[in-house]
PDB file of N, CA and C in Angstrom:
ATOM      1  N   MET A   1     105.342 -30.005-125.378  1.00  0.00           N
ATOM      2  CA  MET A   1     106.160 -30.438-126.509  1.00  0.00           C
ATOM      3  C   MET A   1     105.692 -29.714-127.766  1.00  0.00           C
ATOM      4  N   TYR A   2     106.587 -29.492-128.655  1.00  0.00           N
ATOM      5  CA  TYR A   2     106.277 -28.756-129.880  1.00  0.00           C
ATOM      6  C   TYR A   2     106.235 -29.694-131.086  1.00  0.00           C
ATOM      7  N   ASP A   3     105.731 -29.159-132.186  1.00  0.00           N
ATOM      8  CA  ASP A   3     105.575 -29.913-133.437  1.00  0.00           C
ATOM      9  C   ASP A   3     106.929 -30.007-134.146  1.00  0.00           C
ATOM     10  N   LYS A   4     107.617 -31.114-133.988  1.00  0.00           N
ATOM     11  CA  LYS A   4     108.962 -31.284-134.563  1.00  0.00           C
ATOM     12  C   LYS A   4     108.931 -31.302-136.086  1.00  0.00           C
ATOM     13  N   GLU A   5     107.875 -31.849-136.659  1.00  0.00           N
ATOM     14  CA  GLU A   5     107.763 -31.866-138.128  1.00  0.00           C
ATOM     15  C   GLU A   5     107.714 -30.446-138.669  1.00  0.00           C
ATOM     16  N   LEU A   6     106.960 -29.584-138.013  1.00  0.00           N
ATOM     17  CA  LEU A   6     106.870 -28.181-138.435  1.00  0.00           C
ATOM     18  C   LEU A   6     108.230 -27.504-138.315  1.00  0.00           C
ATOM     19  N   VAL A   7     108.908 -27.737-137.212  1.00  0.00           N
ATOM     20  CA  VAL A   7     110.234 -27.144-137.015  1.00  0.00           C
ATOM     21  C   VAL A   7     111.206 -27.664-138.075  1.00  0.00           C
ATOM     22  N   LEU A   8     111.151 -28.952-138.374  1.00  0.00           N
ATOM     23  CA  LEU A   8     112.019 -29.512-139.422  1.00  0.00           C
ATOM     24  C   LEU A   8     111.727 -28.890-140.782  1.00  0.00           C
ATOM     25  N   ASP A   9     110.463 -28.643-141.071  1.00  0.00           N
ATOM     26  CA  ASP A   9     110.093 -27.975-142.334  1.00  0.00           C
ATOM     27  C   ASP A   9     110.676 -26.560-142.383  1.00  0.00           C
ATOM     28  N   ILE A  10     110.574 -25.844-141.290  1.00  0.00           N
ATOM     29  CA  ILE A  10     111.113 -24.476-141.235  1.00  0.00           C
ATOM     30  C   ILE A  10     112.634 -24.513-141.359  1.00  0.00           C
ATOM     31  N   LEU A  11     113.273 -25.448-140.684  1.00  0.00           N
ATOM     32  CA  LEU A  11     114.731 -25.579-140.793  1.00  0.00           C
ATOM     33  C   LEU A  11     115.140 -25.840-142.237  1.00  0.00           C
ATOM     34  N   GLU A  12     114.401 -26.679-142.938  1.00  0.00           N
ATOM     35  CA  GLU A  12     114.709 -26.962-144.343  1.00  0.00           C
ATOM     36  C   GLU A  12     114.603 -25.685-145.187  1.00  0.00           C
ATOM     37  N   GLN A  13     113.587 -24.886-144.932  1.00  0.00           N
ATOM     38  CA  GLN A  13     113.433 -23.619-145.657  1.00  0.00           C
ATOM     39  C   GLN A  13     114.597 -22.671-145.370  1.00  0.00           C
ATOM     40  N   ILE A  14     115.019 -22.602-144.121  1.00  0.00           N
ATOM     41  CA  ILE A  14     116.140 -21.733-143.748  1.00  0.00           C
ATOM     42  C   ILE A  14     117.419 -22.219-144.420  1.00  0.00           C
ATOM     43  N   ILE A  15     117.645 -23.510-144.388  1.00  0.00           N
ATOM     44  CA  ILE A  15     118.848 -24.078-145.012  1.00  0.00           C
ATOM     45  C   ILE A  15     118.865 -23.769-146.507  1.00  0.00           C
ATOM     46  N   GLU A  16     117.742 -23.941-147.170  1.00  0.00           N
ATOM     47  CA  GLU A  16     117.656 -23.623-148.598  1.00  0.00           C
ATOM     48  C   GLU A  16     117.940 -22.142-148.846  1.00  0.00           C
ATOM     49  N   ALA A  17     117.423 -21.277-147.989  1.00  0.00           N
ATOM     50  CA  ALA A  17     117.663 -19.836-148.131  1.00  0.00           C
ATOM     51  C   ALA A  17     119.145 -19.510-147.947  1.00  0.00           C
ATOM     52  N   ILE A  18     119.797 -20.149-147.003  1.00  0.00           N
ATOM     53  CA  ILE A  18     121.218 -19.898-146.773  1.00  0.00           C
ATOM     54  C   ILE A  18     122.045 -20.354-147.968  1.00  0.00           C
ATOM     55  N   VAL A  19     121.713 -21.483-148.528  1.00  0.00           N
ATOM     56  CA  VAL A  19     122.430 -21.957-149.717  1.00  0.00           C
ATOM     57  C   VAL A  19     122.284 -20.941-150.857  1.00  0.00           C
ATOM     58  N   ILE A  20     121.105 -20.385-151.012  1.00  0.00           N
ATOM     59  CA  ILE A  20     120.889 -19.363-152.049  1.00  0.00           C
ATOM     60  C   ILE A  20     121.717 -18.120-151.744  1.00  0.00           C
ATOM     61  N   VAL A  21     121.755 -17.708-150.489  1.00  0.00           N
ATOM     62  CA  VAL A  21     122.575 -16.546-150.104  1.00  0.00           C
ATOM     63  C   VAL A  21     124.036 -16.807-150.459  1.00  0.00           C
ATOM     64  N   GLN A  22     124.526 -17.991-150.144  1.00  0.00           N
ATOM     65  CA  GLN A  22     125.916 -18.319-150.460  1.00  0.00           C
ATOM     66  C   GLN A  22     126.163 -18.268-151.967  1.00  0.00           C
ATOM     67  N   GLU A  23     125.243 -18.787-152.743  1.00  0.00           N
ATOM     68  CA  GLU A  23     125.394 -18.760-154.198  1.00  0.00           C
ATOM     69  C   GLU A  23     125.404 -17.329-154.729  1.00  0.00           C
ATOM     70  N   ARG A  24     124.513 -16.510-154.208  1.00  0.00           N
ATOM     71  CA  ARG A  24     124.395 -15.132-154.696  1.00  0.00           C
ATOM     72  C   ARG A  24     125.550 -14.251-154.243  1.00  0.00           C
ATOM     73  N   CYS A  25     126.202 -14.626-153.177  1.00  0.00           N
ATOM     74  CA  CYS A  25     127.320 -13.840-152.652  1.00  0.00           C
ATOM     75  C   CYS A  25     128.665 -14.310-153.200  1.00  0.00           C
ATOM     76  N   ALA A  26     128.676 -15.457-153.831  1.00  0.00           N
ATOM     77  CA  ALA A  26     129.940 -16.072-154.260  1.00  0.00           C
ATOM     78  C   ALA A  26     130.754 -15.186-155.199  1.00  0.00           C
ATOM     79  N   PHE A  27     130.095 -14.340-155.976  1.00  0.00           N
ATOM     80  CA  PHE A  27     130.801 -13.495-156.943  1.00  0.00           C
ATOM     81  C   PHE A  27     131.612 -12.392-156.259  1.00  0.00           C
ATOM     82  N   ALA A  28     131.219 -12.017-155.051  1.00  0.00           N
ATOM     83  CA  ALA A  28     131.783 -10.832-154.393  1.00  0.00           C
ATOM     84  C   ALA A  28     133.123 -11.140-153.718  1.00  0.00           C
ATOM     85  N   THR A  29     134.093 -10.294-153.990  1.00  0.00           N
ATOM     86  CA  THR A  29     135.387 -10.392-153.317  1.00  0.00           C
ATOM     87  C   THR A  29     135.558  -9.294-152.269  1.00  0.00           C
ATOM     88  N   CYS A  30     134.689  -8.290-152.342  1.00  0.00           N
ATOM     89  CA  CYS A  30     134.662  -7.213-151.347  1.00  0.00           C
ATOM     90  C   CYS A  30     133.287  -6.565-151.379  1.00  0.00           C
ATOM     91  N   GLN A  31     133.000  -5.743-150.386  1.00  0.00           N
ATOM     92  CA  GLN A  31     131.679  -5.120-150.294  1.00  0.00           C
ATOM     93  C   GLN A  31     131.369  -4.229-151.493  1.00  0.00           C
ATOM     94  N   ASN A  32     132.391  -3.676-152.117  1.00  0.00           N
ATOM     95  CA  ASN A  32     132.155  -2.799-153.273  1.00  0.00           C
ATOM     96  C   ASN A  32     131.559  -3.543-154.459  1.00  0.00           C
ATOM     97  N   ASP A  33     131.769  -4.854-154.514  1.00  0.00           N
ATOM     98  CA  ASP A  33     131.183  -5.639-155.594  1.00  0.00           C
ATOM     99  C   ASP A  33     129.661  -5.569-155.575  1.00  0.00           C
ATOM    100  N   PHE A  34     129.087  -5.299-154.412  1.00  0.00           N
ATOM    101  CA  PHE A  34     127.643  -5.137-154.313  1.00  0.00           C
ATOM    102  C   PHE A  34     127.184  -3.753-154.771  1.00  0.00           C
ATOM    103  N   MET A  35     128.059  -2.787-154.705  1.00  0.00           N
ATOM    104  CA  MET A  35     127.638  -1.406-154.950  1.00  0.00           C
ATOM    105  C   MET A  35     128.067  -0.854-156.306  1.00  0.00           C
ATOM    106  N   ASP A  36     129.048  -1.457-156.928  1.00  0.00           N
ATOM    107  CA  ASP A  36     129.634  -0.885-158.142  1.00  0.00           C
ATOM    108  C   ASP A  36     128.844  -1.139-159.420  1.00  0.00           C
ATOM    109  N   THR A  37     127.952  -2.119-159.386  1.00  0.00           N
ATOM    110  CA  THR A  37     127.169  -2.417-160.591  1.00  0.00           C
ATOM    111  C   THR A  37     125.706  -2.623-160.228  1.00  0.00           C
ATOM    112  N   LYS A  38     124.855  -2.476-161.225  1.00  0.00           N
ATOM    113  CA  LYS A  38     123.435  -2.725-161.015  1.00  0.00           C
ATOM    114  C   LYS A  38     123.204  -4.188-160.623  1.00  0.00           C
ATOM    115  N   GLU A  39     123.939  -5.099-161.247  1.00  0.00           N
ATOM    116  CA  GLU A  39     123.807  -6.525-160.930  1.00  0.00           C
ATOM    117  C   GLU A  39     124.216  -6.799-159.483  1.00  0.00           C
ATOM    118  N   GLY A  40     125.272  -6.149-159.030  1.00  0.00           N
ATOM    119  CA  GLY A  40     125.712  -6.300-157.650  1.00  0.00           C
ATOM    120  C   GLY A  40     124.668  -5.783-156.675  1.00  0.00           C
ATOM    121  N   GLN A  41     124.053  -4.658-157.005  1.00  0.00           N
ATOM    122  CA  GLN A  41     123.005  -4.094-156.149  1.00  0.00           C
ATOM    123  C   GLN A  41     121.789  -5.016-156.104  1.00  0.00           C
ATOM    124  N   GLU A  42     121.467  -5.627-157.245  1.00  0.00           N
ATOM    125  CA  GLU A  42     120.352  -6.576-157.278  1.00  0.00           C
ATOM    126  C   GLU A  42     120.660  -7.806-156.423  1.00  0.00           C
ATOM    127  N   LYS A  43     121.893  -8.267-156.468  1.00  0.00           N
ATOM    128  CA  LYS A  43     122.292  -9.411-155.622  1.00  0.00           C
ATOM    129  C   LYS A  43     122.176  -9.027-154.146  1.00  0.00           C
ATOM    130  N   LEU A  44     122.625  -7.825-153.811  1.00  0.00           N
ATOM    131  CA  LEU A  44     122.532  -7.359-152.428  1.00  0.00           C
ATOM    132  C   LEU A  44     121.076  -7.328-151.982  1.00  0.00           C
ATOM    133  N   ASP A  45     120.206  -6.788-152.826  1.00  0.00           N
ATOM    134  CA  ASP A  45     118.778  -6.749-152.489  1.00  0.00           C
ATOM    135  C   ASP A  45     118.223  -8.150-152.266  1.00  0.00           C
ATOM    136  N   SER A  46     118.566  -9.067-153.155  1.00  0.00           N
ATOM    137  CA  SER A  46     118.017 -10.420-153.035  1.00  0.00           C
ATOM    138  C   SER A  46     118.576 -11.145-151.809  1.00  0.00           C
ATOM    139  N   ILE A  47     119.837 -10.913-151.498  1.00  0.00           N
ATOM    140  CA  ILE A  47     120.437 -11.497-150.292  1.00  0.00           C
ATOM    141  C   ILE A  47     119.733 -10.948-149.049  1.00  0.00           C
ATOM    142  N   CYS A  48     119.474  -9.658-149.049  1.00  0.00           N
ATOM    143  CA  CYS A  48     118.788  -9.044-147.903  1.00  0.00           C
ATOM    144  C   CYS A  48     117.397  -9.638-147.706  1.00  0.00           C
ATOM    145  N   MET A  49     116.688  -9.898-148.794  1.00  0.00           N
ATOM    146  CA  MET A  49     115.365 -10.518-148.667  1.00  0.00           C
ATOM    147  C   MET A  49     115.476 -11.902-148.032  1.00  0.00           C
ATOM    148  N   LYS A  50     116.469 -12.655-148.424  1.00  0.00           N
ATOM    149  CA  LYS A  50     116.667 -13.983-147.835  1.00  0.00           C
ATOM    150  C   LYS A  50     117.050 -13.871-146.356  1.00  0.00           C
ATOM    151  N   LEU A  51     117.886 -12.894-146.015  1.00  0.00           N
ATOM    152  CA  LEU A  51     118.265 -12.707-144.614  1.00  0.00           C
ATOM    153  C   LEU A  51     117.060 -12.319-143.761  1.00  0.00           C
ATOM    154  N   ILE A  52     116.157 -11.531-144.324  1.00  0.00           N
ATOM    155  CA  ILE A  52     114.913 -11.193-143.622  1.00  0.00           C
ATOM    156  C   ILE A  52     114.103 -12.465-143.375  1.00  0.00           C
ATOM    157  N   ALA A  53     113.970 -13.285-144.410  1.00  0.00           N
ATOM    158  CA  ALA A  53     113.202 -14.529-144.283  1.00  0.00           C
ATOM    159  C   ALA A  53     113.836 -15.466-143.258  1.00  0.00           C
ATOM    160  N   ILE A  54     115.159 -15.551-143.261  1.00  0.00           N
ATOM    161  CA  ILE A  54     115.874 -16.406-142.302  1.00  0.00           C
ATOM    162  C   ILE A  54     115.611 -15.925-140.877  1.00  0.00           C
ATOM    163  N   GLY A  55     115.766 -14.639-140.652  1.00  0.00           N
ATOM    164  CA  GLY A  55     115.539 -14.084-139.312  1.00  0.00           C
ATOM    165  C   GLY A  55     114.112 -14.283-138.842  1.00  0.00           C
ATOM    166  N   GLU A  56     113.165 -14.068-139.724  1.00  0.00           N
ATOM    167  CA  GLU A  56     111.756 -14.253-139.368  1.00  0.00           C
ATOM    168  C   GLU A  56     111.462 -15.721-139.057  1.00  0.00           C
ATOM    169  N   SER A  57     112.037 -16.617-139.835  1.00  0.00           N
ATOM    170  CA  SER A  57     111.830 -18.046-139.606  1.00  0.00           C
ATOM    171  C   SER A  57     112.444 -18.490-138.277  1.00  0.00           C
ATOM    172  N   LEU A  58     113.587 -17.931-137.929  1.00  0.00           N
ATOM    173  CA  LEU A  58     114.192 -18.243-136.629  1.00  0.00           C
ATOM    174  C   LEU A  58     113.320 -17.730-135.489  1.00  0.00           C
ATOM    175  N   LYS A  59     112.710 -16.582-135.674  1.00  0.00           N
ATOM    176  CA  LYS A  59     111.768 -16.075-134.667  1.00  0.00           C
ATOM    177  C   LYS A  59     110.592 -17.037-134.523  1.00  0.00           C
ATOM    178  N   ASN A  60     110.122 -17.571-135.645  1.00  0.00           N
ATOM    179  CA  ASN A  60     109.019 -18.539-135.600  1.00  0.00           C
ATOM    180  C   ASN A  60     109.426 -19.805-134.856  1.00  0.00           C
ATOM    181  N   ILE A  61     110.648 -20.278-135.109  1.00  0.00           N
ATOM    182  CA  ILE A  61     111.132 -21.458-134.392  1.00  0.00           C
ATOM    183  C   ILE A  61     111.172 -21.182-132.896  1.00  0.00           C
ATOM    184  N   ASP A  62     111.642 -20.007-132.515  1.00  0.00           N
ATOM    185  CA  ASP A  62     111.663 -19.643-131.098  1.00  0.00           C
ATOM    186  C   ASP A  62     110.259 -19.690-130.501  1.00  0.00           C
ATOM    187  N   LYS A  63     109.307 -19.167-131.232  1.00  0.00           N
ATOM    188  CA  LYS A  63     107.922 -19.140-130.750  1.00  0.00           C
ATOM    189  C   LYS A  63     107.365 -20.563-130.616  1.00  0.00           C
ATOM    190  N   ILE A  64     107.569 -21.379-131.642  1.00  0.00           N
ATOM    191  CA  ILE A  64     107.044 -22.750-131.647  1.00  0.00           C
ATOM    192  C   ILE A  64     107.663 -23.595-130.537  1.00  0.00           C
ATOM    193  N   THR A  65     108.965 -23.408-130.304  1.00  0.00           N
ATOM    194  CA  THR A  65     109.690 -24.240-129.331  1.00  0.00           C
ATOM    195  C   THR A  65     109.792 -23.596-127.949  1.00  0.00           C
ATOM    196  N   ASP A  66     109.067 -22.517-127.745  1.00  0.00           N
ATOM    197  CA  ASP A  66     109.124 -21.784-126.472  1.00  0.00           C
ATOM    198  C   ASP A  66     110.568 -21.418-126.114  1.00  0.00           C
ATOM    199  N   LYS A  67     111.321 -21.022-127.131  1.00  0.00           N
ATOM    200  CA  LYS A  67     112.714 -20.555-127.010  1.00  0.00           C
ATOM    201  C   LYS A  67     113.666 -21.622-126.461  1.00  0.00           C
ATOM    202  N   LYS A  68     113.332 -22.895-126.660  1.00  0.00           N
ATOM    203  CA  LYS A  68     114.186 -23.959-126.130  1.00  0.00           C
ATOM    204  C   LYS A  68     115.149 -24.543-127.160  1.00  0.00           C
ATOM    205  N   LEU A  69     114.787 -24.528-128.426  1.00  0.00           N
ATOM    206  CA  LEU A  69     115.632 -25.188-129.419  1.00  0.00           C
ATOM    207  C   LEU A  69     116.897 -24.388-129.721  1.00  0.00           C
ATOM    208  N   LEU A  70     116.758 -23.147-130.093  1.00  0.00           N
ATOM    209  CA  LEU A  70     117.929 -22.354-130.489  1.00  0.00           C
ATOM    210  C   LEU A  70     118.919 -22.206-129.337  1.00  0.00           C
ATOM    211  N   THR A  71     118.410 -22.089-128.140  1.00  0.00           N
ATOM    212  CA  THR A  71     119.312 -21.924-126.990  1.00  0.00           C
ATOM    213  C   THR A  71     120.128 -23.191-126.724  1.00  0.00           C
ATOM    214  N   ALA A  72     119.694 -24.315-127.270  1.00  0.00           N
ATOM    215  CA  ALA A  72     120.456 -25.564-127.116  1.00  0.00           C
ATOM    216  C   ALA A  72     121.688 -25.584-128.029  1.00  0.00           C
ATOM    217  N   TYR A  73     121.817 -24.577-128.883  1.00  0.00           N
ATOM    218  CA  TYR A  73     122.952 -24.453-129.809  1.00  0.00           C
ATOM    219  C   TYR A  73     123.580 -23.069-129.625  1.00  0.00           C
ATOM    220  N   PRO A  74     124.248 -22.856-128.487  1.00  0.00           N
ATOM    221  CA  PRO A  74     124.733 -21.518-128.127  1.00  0.00           C
ATOM    222  C   PRO A  74     125.936 -21.036-128.946  1.00  0.00           C
ATOM    223  N   GLN A  75     126.497 -21.884-129.782  1.00  0.00           N
ATOM    224  CA  GLN A  75     127.654 -21.463-130.576  1.00  0.00           C
ATOM    225  C   GLN A  75     127.276 -20.434-131.642  1.00  0.00           C
ATOM    226  N   ILE A  76     125.985 -20.267-131.880  1.00  0.00           N
ATOM    227  CA  ILE A  76     125.504 -19.265-132.839  1.00  0.00           C
ATOM    228  C   ILE A  76     124.803 -18.158-132.068  1.00  0.00           C
ATOM    229  N   GLU A  77     125.043 -16.920-132.483  1.00  0.00           N
ATOM    230  CA  GLU A  77     124.401 -15.777-131.836  1.00  0.00           C
ATOM    231  C   GLU A  77     123.050 -15.532-132.517  1.00  0.00           C
ATOM    232  N   TRP A  78     122.052 -16.314-132.119  1.00  0.00           N
ATOM    233  CA  TRP A  78     120.734 -16.277-132.739  1.00  0.00           C
ATOM    234  C   TRP A  78     120.092 -14.901-132.622  1.00  0.00           C
ATOM    235  N   LYS A  79     120.302 -14.253-131.503  1.00  0.00           N
ATOM    236  CA  LYS A  79     119.700 -12.930-131.296  1.00  0.00           C
ATOM    237  C   LYS A  79     120.210 -11.944-132.351  1.00  0.00           C
ATOM    238  N   LYS A  80     121.480 -12.027-132.684  1.00  0.00           N
ATOM    239  CA  LYS A  80     122.036 -11.136-133.704  1.00  0.00           C
ATOM    240  C   LYS A  80     121.450 -11.421-135.084  1.00  0.00           C
ATOM    241  N   ILE A  81     121.236 -12.700-135.383  1.00  0.00           N
ATOM    242  CA  ILE A  81     120.667 -13.059-136.687  1.00  0.00           C
ATOM    243  C   ILE A  81     119.244 -12.503-136.791  1.00  0.00           C
ATOM    244  N   LYS A  82     118.483 -12.668-135.728  1.00  0.00           N
ATOM    245  CA  LYS A  82     117.125 -12.128-135.731  1.00  0.00           C
ATOM    246  C   LYS A  82     117.165 -10.602-135.765  1.00  0.00           C
ATOM    247  N   GLY A  83     118.165 -10.020-135.151  1.00  0.00           N
ATOM    248  CA  GLY A  83     118.317  -8.571-135.165  1.00  0.00           C
ATOM    249  C   GLY A  83     118.658  -8.029-136.544  1.00  0.00           C
ATOM    250  N   ILE A  84     119.429  -8.795-137.321  1.00  0.00           N
ATOM    251  CA  ILE A  84     119.734  -8.390-138.704  1.00  0.00           C
ATOM    252  C   ILE A  84     118.440  -8.273-139.486  1.00  0.00           C
ATOM    253  N   ARG A  85     117.533  -9.223-139.277  1.00  0.00           N
ATOM    254  CA  ARG A  85     116.229  -9.177-139.942  1.00  0.00           C
ATOM    255  C   ARG A  85     115.523  -7.863-139.622  1.00  0.00           C
ATOM    256  N   ASP A  86     115.506  -7.500-138.347  1.00  0.00           N
ATOM    257  CA  ASP A  86     114.839  -6.269-137.935  1.00  0.00           C
ATOM    258  C   ASP A  86     115.518  -5.045-138.545  1.00  0.00           C
ATOM    259  N   PHE A  87     116.841  -5.046-138.524  1.00  0.00           N
ATOM    260  CA  PHE A  87     117.573  -3.889-139.064  1.00  0.00           C
ATOM    261  C   PHE A  87     117.304  -3.720-140.552  1.00  0.00           C
ATOM    262  N   ILE A  88     117.410  -4.803-141.312  1.00  0.00           N
ATOM    263  CA  ILE A  88     117.182  -4.706-142.761  1.00  0.00           C
ATOM    264  C   ILE A  88     115.753  -4.256-143.034  1.00  0.00           C
ATOM    265  N   SER A  89     114.802  -4.808-142.302  1.00  0.00           N
ATOM    266  CA  SER A  89     113.394  -4.485-142.532  1.00  0.00           C
ATOM    267  C   SER A  89     113.053  -3.035-142.200  1.00  0.00           C
ATOM    268  N   HIS A  90     113.644  -2.529-141.138  1.00  0.00           N
ATOM    269  CA  HIS A  90     113.240  -1.212-140.649  1.00  0.00           C
ATOM    270  C   HIS A  90     114.202  -0.073-140.991  1.00  0.00           C
ATOM    271  N   HIS A  91     115.410  -0.425-141.413  1.00  0.00           N
ATOM    272  CA  HIS A  91     116.410   0.613-141.704  1.00  0.00           C
ATOM    273  C   HIS A  91     117.127   0.324-143.016  1.00  0.00           C
ATOM    274  N   TYR A  92     116.390  -0.137-144.005  1.00  0.00           N
ATOM    275  CA  TYR A  92     117.017  -0.595-145.247  1.00  0.00           C
ATOM    276  C   TYR A  92     117.903   0.473-145.883  1.00  0.00           C
ATOM    277  N   PHE A  93     117.475   1.716-145.844  1.00  0.00           N
ATOM    278  CA  PHE A  93     118.266   2.759-146.505  1.00  0.00           C
ATOM    279  C   PHE A  93     119.538   3.106-145.744  1.00  0.00           C
ATOM    280  N   ASP A  94     119.666   2.600-144.533  1.00  0.00           N
ATOM    281  CA  ASP A  94     120.896   2.777-143.764  1.00  0.00           C
ATOM    282  C   ASP A  94     121.797   1.555-143.879  1.00  0.00           C
ATOM    283  N   LEU A  95     121.408   0.616-144.705  1.00  0.00           N
ATOM    284  CA  LEU A  95     122.120  -0.646-144.850  1.00  0.00           C
ATOM    285  C   LEU A  95     123.552  -0.427-145.329  1.00  0.00           C
ATOM    286  N   ASP A  96     124.449  -1.181-144.752  1.00  0.00           N
ATOM    287  CA  ASP A  96     125.857  -1.113-145.089  1.00  0.00           C
ATOM    288  C   ASP A  96     126.241  -2.399-145.832  1.00  0.00           C
ATOM    289  N   ALA A  97     126.651  -2.269-147.081  1.00  0.00           N
ATOM    290  CA  ALA A  97     127.033  -3.446-147.875  1.00  0.00           C
ATOM    291  C   ALA A  97     128.167  -4.216-147.203  1.00  0.00           C
ATOM    292  N   GLU A  98     129.023  -3.520-146.479  1.00  0.00           N
ATOM    293  CA  GLU A  98     130.126  -4.183-145.780  1.00  0.00           C
ATOM    294  C   GLU A  98     129.603  -5.173-144.739  1.00  0.00           C
ATOM    295  N   MET A  99     128.527  -4.796-144.053  1.00  0.00           N
ATOM    296  CA  MET A  99     127.934  -5.670-143.048  1.00  0.00           C
ATOM    297  C   MET A  99     127.388  -6.943-143.709  1.00  0.00           C
ATOM    298  N   ILE A 100     126.670  -6.794-144.801  1.00  0.00           N
ATOM    299  CA  ILE A 100     126.099  -7.949-145.493  1.00  0.00           C
ATOM    300  C   ILE A 100     127.212  -8.822-146.073  1.00  0.00           C
ATOM    301  N   PHE A 101     128.219  -8.193-146.650  1.00  0.00           N
ATOM    302  CA  PHE A 101     129.358  -8.943-147.176  1.00  0.00           C
ATOM    303  C   PHE A 101     130.021  -9.755-146.058  1.00  0.00           C
ATOM    304  N   GLY A 102     130.215  -9.134-144.904  1.00  0.00           N
ATOM    305  CA  GLY A 102     130.830  -9.811-143.763  1.00  0.00           C
ATOM    306  C   GLY A 102     130.016 -11.002-143.291  1.00  0.00           C
ATOM    307  N   ILE A 103     128.712 -10.837-143.243  1.00  0.00           N
ATOM    308  CA  ILE A 103     127.831 -11.945-142.850  1.00  0.00           C
ATOM    309  C   ILE A 103     127.997 -13.098-143.831  1.00  0.00           C
ATOM    310  N   CYS A 104     127.962 -12.775-145.107  1.00  0.00           N
ATOM    311  CA  CYS A 104     128.055 -13.815-146.149  1.00  0.00           C
ATOM    312  C   CYS A 104     129.392 -14.535-146.112  1.00  0.00           C
ATOM    313  N   LYS A 105     130.462 -13.804-145.935  1.00  0.00           N
ATOM    314  CA  LYS A 105     131.805 -14.399-146.007  1.00  0.00           C
ATOM    315  C   LYS A 105     132.282 -15.001-144.691  1.00  0.00           C
ATOM    316  N   ASN A 106     131.797 -14.464-143.558  1.00  0.00           N
ATOM    317  CA  ASN A 106     132.363 -14.867-142.270  1.00  0.00           C
ATOM    318  C   ASN A 106     131.446 -15.665-141.359  1.00  0.00           C
ATOM    319  N   ASN A 107     130.133 -15.569-141.561  1.00  0.00           N
ATOM    320  CA  ASN A 107     129.225 -16.143-140.569  1.00  0.00           C
ATOM    321  C   ASN A 107     128.251 -17.189-141.103  1.00  0.00           C
ATOM    322  N   ILE A 108     127.808 -17.020-142.313  1.00  0.00           N
ATOM    323  CA  ILE A 108     126.679 -17.822-142.794  1.00  0.00           C
ATOM    324  C   ILE A 108     127.010 -19.314-142.894  1.00  0.00           C
ATOM    325  N   ALA A 109     128.243 -19.662-143.198  1.00  0.00           N
ATOM    326  CA  ALA A 109     128.620 -21.081-143.294  1.00  0.00           C
ATOM    327  C   ALA A 109     128.510 -21.768-141.934  1.00  0.00           C
ATOM    328  N   ASP A 110     128.887 -21.073-140.872  1.00  0.00           N
ATOM    329  CA  ASP A 110     128.773 -21.646-139.531  1.00  0.00           C
ATOM    330  C   ASP A 110     127.312 -21.840-139.142  1.00  0.00           C
ATOM    331  N   VAL A 111     126.484 -20.879-139.500  1.00  0.00           N
ATOM    332  CA  VAL A 111     125.052 -20.986-139.210  1.00  0.00           C
ATOM    333  C   VAL A 111     124.471 -22.188-139.957  1.00  0.00           C
ATOM    334  N   LEU A 112     124.852 -22.331-141.206  1.00  0.00           N
ATOM    335  CA  LEU A 112     124.374 -23.457-142.006  1.00  0.00           C
ATOM    336  C   LEU A 112     124.768 -24.793-141.365  1.00  0.00           C
ATOM    337  N   MET A 113     125.990 -24.893-140.923  1.00  0.00           N
ATOM    338  CA  MET A 113     126.476 -26.124-140.312  1.00  0.00           C
ATOM    339  C   MET A 113     125.665 -26.469-139.056  1.00  0.00           C
ATOM    340  N   VAL A 114     125.404 -25.486-138.222  1.00  0.00           N
ATOM    341  CA  VAL A 114     124.654 -25.722-136.985  1.00  0.00           C
ATOM    342  C   VAL A 114     123.194 -26.059-137.297  1.00  0.00           C
ATOM    343  N   LEU A 115     122.614 -25.391-138.292  1.00  0.00           N
ATOM    344  CA  LEU A 115     121.232 -25.711-138.662  1.00  0.00           C
ATOM    345  C   LEU A 115     121.110 -27.143-139.178  1.00  0.00           C
ATOM    346  N   LYS A 116     122.093 -27.586-139.934  1.00  0.00           N
ATOM    347  CA  LYS A 116     122.076 -28.976-140.407  1.00  0.00           C
ATOM    348  C   LYS A 116     122.225 -29.944-139.247  1.00  0.00           C
ATOM    349  N   GLN A 117     123.053 -29.595-138.256  1.00  0.00           N
ATOM    350  CA  GLN A 117     123.193 -30.433-137.059  1.00  0.00           C
ATOM    351  C   GLN A 117     121.870 -30.468-136.290  1.00  0.00           C
ATOM    352  N   MET A 118     121.245 -29.315-136.181  1.00  0.00           N
ATOM    353  CA  MET A 118     119.962 -29.218-135.498  1.00  0.00           C
ATOM    354  C   MET A 118     118.922 -30.098-136.208  1.00  0.00           C
ATOM    355  N   GLN A 119     118.907 -30.008-137.506  1.00  0.00           N
ATOM    356  CA  GLN A 119     117.994 -30.800-138.336  1.00  0.00           C
ATOM    357  C   GLN A 119     118.251 -32.296-138.107  1.00  0.00           C
ATOM    358  N   ASN A 120     119.503 -32.662-138.113  1.00  0.00           N
ATOM    359  CA  ASN A 120     119.889 -34.060-137.876  1.00  0.00           C
ATOM    360  C   ASN A 120     119.471 -34.516-136.476  1.00  0.00           C
ATOM    361  N   ASP A 121     119.739 -33.691-135.483  1.00  0.00           N
ATOM    362  CA  ASP A 121     119.382 -34.039-134.095  1.00  0.00           C
ATOM    363  C   ASP A 121     117.877 -34.213-133.949  1.00  0.00           C
ATOM    364  N   LEU A 122     117.100 -33.324-134.526  1.00  0.00           N
ATOM    365  CA  LEU A 122     115.635 -33.416-134.424  1.00  0.00           C
ATOM    366  C   LEU A 122     115.105 -34.615-135.204  1.00  0.00           C
ATOM    367  N   GLY A 123     115.715 -34.898-136.352  1.00  0.00           N
ATOM    368  CA  GLY A 123     115.282 -36.026-137.161  1.00  0.00           C
ATOM    369  C   GLY A 123     115.433 -37.341-136.425  1.00  0.00           C
ATOM    370  N   LYS A 124     116.460 -37.436-135.608  1.00  0.00           N
ATOM    371  CA  LYS A 124     116.704 -38.652-134.830  1.00  0.00           C
ATOM    372  C   LYS A 124     115.667 -38.839-133.733  1.00  0.00           C
ATOM    373  N   LYS A 125     115.067 -37.734-133.291  1.00  0.00           N
ATOM    374  CA  LYS A 125     114.133 -37.791-132.173  1.00  0.00           C
ATOM    375  C   LYS A 125     112.692 -38.046-132.613  1.00  0.00           C
ATOM    376  N   LEU A 126     112.437 -38.080-133.907  1.00  0.00           N
ATOM    377  CA  LEU A 126     111.059 -38.298-134.376  1.00  0.00           C
ATOM    378  C   LEU A 126     110.581 -39.706-134.142  1.00  0.00           C
TER     379      LEU A 126
END
């Protein structure tokens, strides 16, 4: 059995990071909004840092739970989220603003919803 309190703490950190990503991306109506101004580029950089932290934290959850928790929520492609972390970390200069914009606008809300469900499910089991 794993430390549920630790996992709940990590989930809370991930949820907070996702909320920040949503706030920082809210101004953008297209990927060019990240590239056309210095402020947009700074938002893109800060969003990428949060995405790295989210991916790393999900890897930690996998390690702590022996890969059992995330797989119980198959509606999210966890491997891809962790892969985004690796891509941003190792290939930052090849980063495509369109990809980050797409994640922010199309995927992150679903991830947030599932993480909150996961948090709720684990909280009930304490």
